[in-house]
Amino acid sequence: METPRIVGILLIGILVWCCMATSANADTKMIYKDSNQPYNVRIKDLIGRMTLEEKIGQMIQIERNVSSPEVMRKYFIGSLLSGGGSEPTPQASPKDWIDMVNEFQKGSLSSRLGIPMIYGIDAVHGHNNVYKATIFPHNIGLGATRDPELVNRIGVVTALEVRATGIHYVFAPCIAVCRDPRWGRCYESYSEDPKIVQDMTEIIPGLQGQIPSSYPKGVPFVGGMESVAACAKHYIGDGGTTKGINENNTVIDNKGLLSIHMPGYVSSIRKGVATVMISYSSLNGVKMHANYEMVTNFLKKNLRFKGFVISDWEGIDRITSPPHANYTYSIEASVNAGLDMIMLPYNYTEFIDGLTYLVKNNFVPMSRIDDAVKRILLVKFTMGLFENPLADEKFVEQLGCEAHRELAREAVRKSLVLLKNGKSADAPLLPLPKKASNILVAGSHADNLGYQCGGWTIKWMGFSGNNLTTGTTILTAIKNTVEPTTKVVYNENPDAEFVKSGGFSYAIVVVGEHPYAETKGDNLSLTIPEPGPSTITNVCGTVKCVVVVVSGRPVVIQPYVASIEALVAAWLPGSEGQGVADVLFGDFGFTGKLSFTWFKTVDQLPMHVGDPNYDPLFPLGFGLTTQPAKAQ
């Protein structure tokens, strides 16, 4: 009599086992790993599997020097970065970089769901953290070229050099509209004119790949393994702070905000930019890192931006004064404002604990966490990171290659702005003759690769000298260009007697600013540091001279203009100083136009076209031209 009951029990057991097996089989079929599925299907599948801890991990970006493969696995970290000067080893090779990035990535892939991390770096004028990379002119010089197609090509090359080191993501371009040259980041701005800045967003399809015409608006686009994710920064009003004080307050009405600071973002989003970085600064007294109206309502809803929004370095800490005074509040305010990824970049366990508490106690809704993670995953899926998480060495030969240096040299030539040429228009000094008996090259910036590259080069604040990367100084370029019979005498800071007794045919004086970045570059006086002015006086008071100003912005030059025969703004030209000599000696003509107003005195600042008292030394758009010289 027990047999039917036993059979029944066995049948039920078999059915239960079958159901469990079917369920397990369905669970093991990870749809998010299927590249044939649409992104939204993959995201929905993956986010449905994620715990709160895994979601918060995706929202975190930390510095490589506080991470390890185990940290990546244990805390599900979504992103790493190298800050300025942060490298695997001094003078690291591309392979050193690749090996480091891949080791971290293997940690991420060993986590429960195997979500790859994205590695970011400041590649703001080429792959500028990396030894032997091509260093392009800073944005202020590129703005003077008025050549969006050139900037697009620079984006393509920069992406290749970044990929050569195994990195996927760049914190560029800076599309700030610098409205006051006293700001220490003015050289990161293409122009004070929003139209020029908007035109230069053409670097984004260079970095990310050309977006298809039918591609949906606002959705991030990264086209293949030769491209990188870009980042439009710093949203919004970073270049409009009072007196140009970094991270300060931008006071502006809605019309001014939309017409001056917003156009670059509209264009960037239209071109599929993957990420947007928030500005340290405040907008009419509201910290941008806590500005729900501008981040969620305007950027995400009005402009329909679908990529992810990232904080700046310790940006959420600075919501309070002093920074980090109430970190729980900073987490709540920034995440609820609409920030998706937080560049912490150190205190990840404190952030995890804080955000976990805020979610579990309903201060931050789970819907906000899910929105952030969906956006981050969309960028990762778009980039193909799930299919190709590990870098190989196929691009290593691209780093600093000759073709890329030639492009940088072209950019230098086109960025130079000729401000004066001769005592009168019918007696020009430039182009200089290559054949002369004896010429003088002077000035602190003539033979200093670090100075001509500026900040954000190898180190955050840049460097001095010729030993930390490779390139051509302006002095070397001059020697390469003149006739072999022309004697080139270099004296960094000669006295007047030396100049008088030298019998020089002419002199080239190269002076300017010392490297700086961010707040350390804020400068209310904008004078050329000594001995620059003394060199100008000693040389140009004695022999006909051309002064080449190497600077990240217009500087005080009016007191010296009368004694200067010719004056050139070279900005921060980068590693390829040969481009300067190409134009000085007439192999190519001057074509650059000022992308910033050049003031007479700092008392006039801020000053822009259209102001009732617009009275510059040289107006926006000014630039004399020359024709290439005939063979000398």
Foldseek 3Di string as FASTA:
>chain_A
DCVVVVVVVVVVVVVVVVVVVVVVVVVVPQVLLDLVDDLVVNLVSVVVPDDPQLLVQLQEEAELVQDFLQNCQVRVHAEYEHEFLRDQDAQDALVSLQVSLQRNQVSNCPHPVRRGHAYEYAQAQANFQHFLFFGFQALCLLLQLLDLVLLLQSLLLSLLQCLLNVHAEHADDELAQALAVLAQCLLSHNFVANVSSQSNLSSQCSQANFDDPPDDFQAAARDASSHHAYEYDAPWDQNQADNNFGLEEHEDDPVCRCRGTNSNVLSNRRRRHQEYEHGSHHYNPQGRLLALCCAPVPVCPVSVHLAAYEYPALSLQVNDVVGVPPNLVSLLRRLNSQHQHYPPHHDSVVSSVSVVVCDVVVSDDVVSSSSSSSNSSSSCSNHVCSVPVRRDNPSSCSGNDPVSNVSSLVSLLSSKFWDAAFPDPVDGCPLPALDDQEEEEEAPQQAWQQQLSAASHSGRQTDTHDPSHAFAGLNNLSCVRHDPNYHYHYDHADALVCQQPRPHQEYEYEFEDGHGHGNVSNDLFQATDPPRVNSLCSNLVHGAYEYEYAASDAGADQVRVNSHGIYMDSYRRHRYSNSVNCDSNQVAKHDTWRSYFRANGSVCPSAAPPDPPHDGPAHGGDGDMDGRDDDD
